[in-house]
N, C-alpha and C. Protein backbone atom coordinates (compact mmCIF):
# COMPACT_ATOMS: atom_id res chain seq x y z
N MET A 1 -6.73 5.36 -15.63
CA MET A 1 -6.10 5.04 -17.09
C MET A 1 -6.68 2.90 -17.36
N ARG A 2 -7.31 3.10 -17.96
CA ARG A 2 -7.80 1.16 -18.15
C ARG A 2 -6.37 0.75 -18.33
N GLY A 3 -6.87 -0.65 -17.85
CA GLY A 3 -5.91 -2.03 -17.90
C GLY A 3 -5.57 -2.07 -16.80
N VAL A 4 -5.14 -0.92 -15.78
CA VAL A 4 -4.05 -0.28 -15.09
C VAL A 4 -4.84 -1.18 -13.30
N GLN A 5 -4.18 -2.50 -12.76
CA GLN A 5 -4.96 -3.28 -11.51
C GLN A 5 -4.94 -1.79 -10.76
N PRO A 6 -5.80 -2.75 -9.26
CA PRO A 6 -6.27 -1.60 -8.93
C PRO A 6 -5.61 -1.06 -7.66
N GLU A 7 -4.92 -1.59 -7.77
CA GLU A 7 -3.34 -1.60 -6.46
C GLU A 7 -1.94 -0.42 -6.71
N VAL A 8 -2.20 -0.16 -8.50
CA VAL A 8 -1.38 -0.08 -8.65
C VAL A 8 -1.96 1.11 -8.43
N MET A 9 -3.40 1.16 -9.31
CA MET A 9 -3.97 2.83 -8.81
C MET A 9 -4.01 3.73 -7.37
N THR A 10 -4.46 2.68 -7.25
CA THR A 10 -4.51 3.08 -5.23
C THR A 10 -2.62 4.06 -5.51
N ALA A 11 -2.20 3.18 -5.51
CA ALA A 11 -0.49 3.28 -5.04
C ALA A 11 -0.63 4.41 -5.40
N LEU A 12 -0.64 4.32 -7.29
CA LEU A 12 -0.32 6.24 -7.63
C LEU A 12 -0.57 6.63 -7.32
N LEU A 13 -1.87 6.82 -6.62
CA LEU A 13 -2.52 7.68 -6.41
C LEU A 13 -2.00 9.10 -4.91
N ASP A 14 -1.24 7.83 -3.83
CA ASP A 14 -1.15 7.64 -2.87
C ASP A 14 0.19 8.95 -2.80
N TRP A 15 0.83 8.08 -3.77
CA TRP A 15 2.50 8.67 -4.13
C TRP A 15 2.34 10.07 -5.01
N ASP A 16 0.99 10.33 -5.66
CA ASP A 16 0.63 12.00 -6.22
C ASP A 16 0.83 12.76 -5.05
N ALA A 17 0.04 12.41 -3.92
CA ALA A 17 -0.29 12.71 -2.71
C ALA A 17 1.06 13.55 -1.90
N GLY A 18 1.80 12.82 -2.15
CA GLY A 18 3.28 12.39 -1.53
C GLY A 18 4.07 14.15 -2.16
N GLU A 19 3.95 13.65 -3.25
CA GLU A 19 4.92 14.68 -4.46
C GLU A 19 4.61 15.15 -3.46
N ARG A 20 2.85 15.73 -3.67
CA ARG A 20 2.29 17.31 -3.69
C ARG A 20 2.54 17.65 -1.82
N GLN A 21 2.80 17.03 -1.81
CA GLN A 21 3.19 17.23 0.03
C GLN A 21 4.66 17.87 0.12
N MET A 22 5.61 17.33 -0.74
CA MET A 22 7.31 16.81 -0.39
C MET A 22 6.79 18.68 -0.91
N ALA A 23 6.24 18.94 -2.12
CA ALA A 23 6.92 20.34 -2.32
C ALA A 23 5.43 21.42 -1.14
N LYS A 24 4.91 21.76 -0.85
CA LYS A 24 4.72 22.39 0.44
C LYS A 24 6.26 23.08 0.70
N PRO A 25 5.63 24.03 1.16
CA PRO A 25 6.89 24.46 2.04
C PRO A 25 6.69 23.29 4.16
N SER A 26 8.65 23.68 4.74
CA SER A 26 8.82 22.67 5.76
C SER A 26 9.93 22.85 5.96
N PRO A 27 9.53 22.66 7.00
CA PRO A 27 10.72 23.63 8.41
C PRO A 27 10.96 22.68 8.17
N THR A 28 10.64 21.17 7.85
CA THR A 28 11.48 19.43 7.56
C THR A 28 12.25 19.13 6.80
N ARG A 29 11.42 19.95 5.78
CA ARG A 29 11.92 19.90 4.15
C ARG A 29 13.43 19.51 3.81
N ASP A 30 13.90 20.17 4.40
CA ASP A 30 15.45 19.50 3.83
C ASP A 30 15.90 18.31 4.52
N ALA A 31 15.64 17.39 5.43
CA ALA A 31 15.29 16.36 6.05
C ALA A 31 14.79 15.64 5.92
N ARG A 32 13.27 15.87 5.05
CA ARG A 32 12.58 14.38 4.43
C ARG A 32 13.37 14.39 2.80
N LEU A 33 13.84 15.49 2.23
CA LEU A 33 14.94 15.09 1.10
C LEU A 33 16.00 14.39 1.47
N ARG A 34 17.13 13.70 1.89
CA ARG A 34 17.21 13.53 2.52
C ARG A 34 16.35 11.66 2.54
N VAL A 35 15.76 11.82 3.70
CA VAL A 35 15.32 10.50 3.43
C VAL A 35 14.60 10.03 2.24
N VAL A 36 14.19 10.52 1.03
CA VAL A 36 13.37 10.83 0.17
C VAL A 36 14.32 10.05 -0.72
N SER A 37 16.18 10.79 -0.32
CA SER A 37 17.28 10.20 -1.64
C SER A 37 17.39 8.77 -0.09
N ALA A 38 17.34 8.14 0.61
CA ALA A 38 17.41 6.93 0.67
C ALA A 38 17.00 6.25 0.43
N VAL A 39 15.47 6.29 0.07
CA VAL A 39 14.46 5.55 0.06
C VAL A 39 14.49 5.18 -1.27
N GLU A 40 15.25 5.91 -2.53
CA GLU A 40 15.79 5.97 -4.09
C GLU A 40 16.49 4.48 -3.63
N ASP A 41 17.94 4.90 -3.32
CA ASP A 41 18.66 4.15 -2.81
C ASP A 41 18.36 2.64 -2.62
N GLN A 42 17.20 2.21 -1.47
CA GLN A 42 16.67 1.41 -1.53
C GLN A 42 15.90 0.18 -2.27
N LEU A 43 14.81 1.78 -2.82
CA LEU A 43 14.00 1.17 -4.70
C LEU A 43 15.49 0.35 -5.35
N ARG A 44 16.71 1.00 -5.55
CA ARG A 44 17.26 1.27 -6.66
C ARG A 44 17.59 -0.51 -6.48
N ARG A 45 18.48 -0.93 -4.70
CA ARG A 45 18.61 -1.87 -4.52
C ARG A 45 16.86 -3.41 -4.75
N ARG A 46 16.05 -2.99 -4.65
CA ARG A 46 14.82 -4.07 -4.08
C ARG A 46 13.75 -4.32 -5.02
N VAL A 47 14.30 -3.49 -6.61
CA VAL A 47 13.75 -3.16 -7.71
C VAL A 47 14.12 -3.21 -9.25
N GLY A 48 16.02 -2.80 -8.94
CA GLY A 48 16.59 -2.19 -9.11
C GLY A 48 16.33 -1.43 -10.70
N ASN A 49 16.61 -1.99 -11.84
CA ASN A 49 17.18 -0.30 -12.88
C ASN A 49 16.33 -0.79 -13.93
N ARG A 50 15.15 -2.12 -13.47
CA ARG A 50 14.26 -1.96 -14.85
C ARG A 50 13.44 -2.88 -14.35
N TYR A 51 11.78 -2.01 -14.28
CA TYR A 51 10.80 -2.54 -13.86
C TYR A 51 9.26 -1.84 -13.18
N THR A 52 8.09 -2.55 -13.24
CA THR A 52 7.06 -1.89 -13.35
C THR A 52 6.32 -1.32 -12.99
N LEU A 53 5.27 -0.26 -12.78
CA LEU A 53 4.62 -0.13 -12.22
C LEU A 53 4.20 -1.27 -11.23
N ALA A 54 4.19 -2.61 -11.53
CA ALA A 54 3.14 -3.09 -11.02
C ALA A 54 4.61 -3.57 -9.36
N ASP A 55 6.11 -4.19 -9.81
CA ASP A 55 7.15 -4.62 -9.08
C ASP A 55 6.86 -3.82 -8.19
N LEU A 56 7.33 -1.65 -8.40
CA LEU A 56 7.36 -0.69 -7.38
C LEU A 56 6.44 -0.46 -6.21
N THR A 57 4.72 -1.11 -7.55
CA THR A 57 3.30 -1.22 -6.66
C THR A 57 4.02 -2.76 -4.94
N ALA A 58 4.87 -3.90 -5.17
CA ALA A 58 4.46 -4.33 -4.48
C ALA A 58 5.71 -4.01 -3.72
N ALA A 59 7.19 -3.53 -4.32
CA ALA A 59 8.19 -2.51 -3.84
C ALA A 59 7.81 -2.08 -2.32
N TYR A 60 6.48 -1.22 -2.90
CA TYR A 60 5.80 -0.38 -1.46
C TYR A 60 4.63 -0.74 -0.79
N GLU A 61 4.36 -2.19 -1.10
CA GLU A 61 2.95 -3.26 -0.52
C GLU A 61 3.68 -3.56 0.70
N GLY A 62 5.78 -4.09 0.63
CA GLY A 62 6.07 -4.26 2.16
C GLY A 62 7.13 -3.10 2.47
N SER A 63 7.34 -1.82 2.16
CA SER A 63 7.90 -0.68 2.51
C SER A 63 8.03 -0.30 4.47
N SER A 64 6.88 -0.63 4.51
CA SER A 64 5.99 -0.86 6.24
C SER A 64 7.46 -1.93 7.00
N ARG A 65 7.66 -2.77 5.90
CA ARG A 65 8.94 -3.84 6.80
C ARG A 65 9.74 -3.29 7.29
N TRP A 66 10.35 -1.55 6.47
CA TRP A 66 11.43 -1.64 6.31
C TRP A 66 11.38 -0.05 6.66
N TYR A 67 10.39 0.31 6.19
CA TYR A 67 10.63 2.37 5.74
C TYR A 67 10.88 2.97 7.34
N LEU A 68 10.56 2.62 8.27
CA LEU A 68 10.82 4.08 9.50
C LEU A 68 11.50 3.01 9.96
N GLU A 69 12.78 2.04 9.15
CA GLU A 69 13.45 1.81 9.83
C GLU A 69 14.83 3.33 9.13
N LEU A 70 14.62 3.00 7.84
CA LEU A 70 15.15 3.67 7.28
C LEU A 70 15.80 5.20 7.62
N ALA A 71 13.87 5.84 7.79
CA ALA A 71 14.30 6.54 8.33
C ALA A 71 14.40 7.99 9.29
N ALA A 72 14.18 6.33 10.26
CA ALA A 72 15.20 6.91 11.53
C ALA A 72 16.55 6.89 11.94
N ALA A 73 16.60 5.91 10.71
CA ALA A 73 18.58 5.68 10.96
C ALA A 73 19.29 7.27 9.75
N THR A 74 18.10 7.89 8.97
CA THR A 74 18.36 8.31 7.62
C THR A 74 18.69 10.02 8.36
N VAL A 75 18.29 10.79 9.27
CA VAL A 75 18.44 11.77 9.83
C VAL A 75 17.06 11.09 11.67
N PRO A 76 17.78 11.18 12.44
CA PRO A 76 17.97 10.87 13.58
C PRO A 76 16.62 11.08 14.24
N GLY A 77 17.56 12.83 14.23
CA GLY A 77 17.23 14.37 15.51
C GLY A 77 15.78 14.31 14.61
N THR A 78 15.05 14.09 13.61
CA THR A 78 14.15 14.77 12.80
C THR A 78 12.82 14.30 12.51
N PRO A 79 12.29 13.66 13.96
CA PRO A 79 10.94 12.58 13.30
C PRO A 79 10.28 12.82 12.57
N ASP A 80 9.64 14.42 12.56
CA ASP A 80 8.76 14.42 11.91
C ASP A 80 8.81 15.04 10.46
N ALA A 81 10.16 14.28 10.02
CA ALA A 81 10.40 14.11 8.62
C ALA A 81 10.36 12.83 8.28
N TRP A 82 9.86 11.89 8.86
CA TRP A 82 9.09 10.34 9.24
C TRP A 82 7.96 9.77 7.81
N ASP A 83 6.89 11.01 8.39
CA ASP A 83 5.41 10.23 7.36
C ASP A 83 6.39 10.26 6.21
N PRO A 84 5.68 8.38 5.75
CA PRO A 84 5.61 7.89 5.21
C PRO A 84 4.30 8.42 4.40
N SER A 85 3.84 9.40 4.54
CA SER A 85 2.47 9.79 3.29
C SER A 85 2.85 11.09 3.00
N VAL A 86 4.67 11.24 3.19
CA VAL A 86 5.54 12.28 3.06
C VAL A 86 7.02 12.18 1.46
N ALA A 87 7.73 11.66 2.78
CA ALA A 87 8.78 10.35 1.57
C ALA A 87 9.10 9.71 1.41
N LEU A 88 7.57 9.09 2.04
CA LEU A 88 8.51 7.51 0.85
C LEU A 88 7.20 8.00 -0.34
N ASP A 89 6.36 8.60 -0.16
CA ASP A 89 5.20 7.99 -0.78
C ASP A 89 6.19 9.57 -2.32
N ALA A 90 6.93 10.00 -1.80
CA ALA A 90 6.98 11.14 -3.35
C ALA A 90 7.99 10.71 -3.68
N ALA A 91 9.16 10.05 -2.94
CA ALA A 91 10.52 8.30 -4.08
C ALA A 91 9.55 7.80 -5.27
N PHE A 92 8.92 6.76 -4.11
CA PHE A 92 7.46 6.20 -4.63
C PHE A 92 7.36 6.88 -6.24
N ALA A 93 6.48 8.27 -5.99
CA ALA A 93 6.69 8.66 -7.39
C ALA A 93 7.86 9.36 -8.30
N ARG A 94 8.56 8.85 -7.89
CA ARG A 94 9.80 9.57 -9.46
C ARG A 94 10.15 8.75 -9.63
N TRP A 95 10.42 7.06 -8.57
CA TRP A 95 10.42 6.24 -9.34
C TRP A 95 9.45 5.41 -10.13
N ALA A 96 7.90 5.97 -10.12
CA ALA A 96 7.00 5.34 -10.80
C ALA A 96 7.03 5.84 -12.48
N ARG A 97 7.93 7.22 -12.39
CA ARG A 97 7.20 8.30 -13.62
C ARG A 97 8.80 7.54 -14.45
N ASN A 98 10.29 6.09 -14.25
CA ASN A 98 10.55 5.95 -14.57
C ASN A 98 10.13 3.47 -15.10
N ALA A 99 9.09 3.73 -14.27
CA ALA A 99 9.34 2.36 -14.51
C ALA A 99 8.66 2.08 -16.19
N SER A 100 8.75 0.74 -16.94
CA SER A 100 8.60 0.43 -18.30
C SER A 100 7.56 0.68 -18.47
N ASP A 101 6.61 0.73 -17.88
CA ASP A 101 4.66 0.80 -18.77
C ASP A 101 4.23 2.39 -17.46
N SER A 102 5.39 3.51 -17.62
CA SER A 102 4.80 4.55 -16.71
C SER A 102 4.48 5.27 -18.36
N VAL A 103 3.03 5.91 -18.10
CA VAL A 103 2.63 6.63 -19.46
C VAL A 103 3.14 8.61 -18.90
N ALA A 104 4.14 8.55 -17.99
CA ALA A 104 5.22 9.70 -18.10
C ALA A 104 6.39 9.33 -18.40
N ARG A 105 6.26 8.18 -18.68
CA ARG A 105 7.83 8.13 -20.21
C ARG A 105 8.17 8.67 -21.49
């Protein structure tokens, strides 16, 4: 993707990997889906309905401050579902498709 900032490209690669992991069968899949939904609610508050990939990347870079607390509150008895490289990244991958500058639009 020409013209894409390196940090955005790196984030897109991470998010795609998370989405692929999310698609694999897992005993924690239902719990992870609840975490993904909670992250999407958080993104709605943080970036709104109109955003760019750069806006989303900035939110991702700050997610370490809120993600684990959110995941633990969402599925407190299932710490295996908290892995940010799966649930967090999958949620961001979903949102990346709706960015105003997404190539997937």
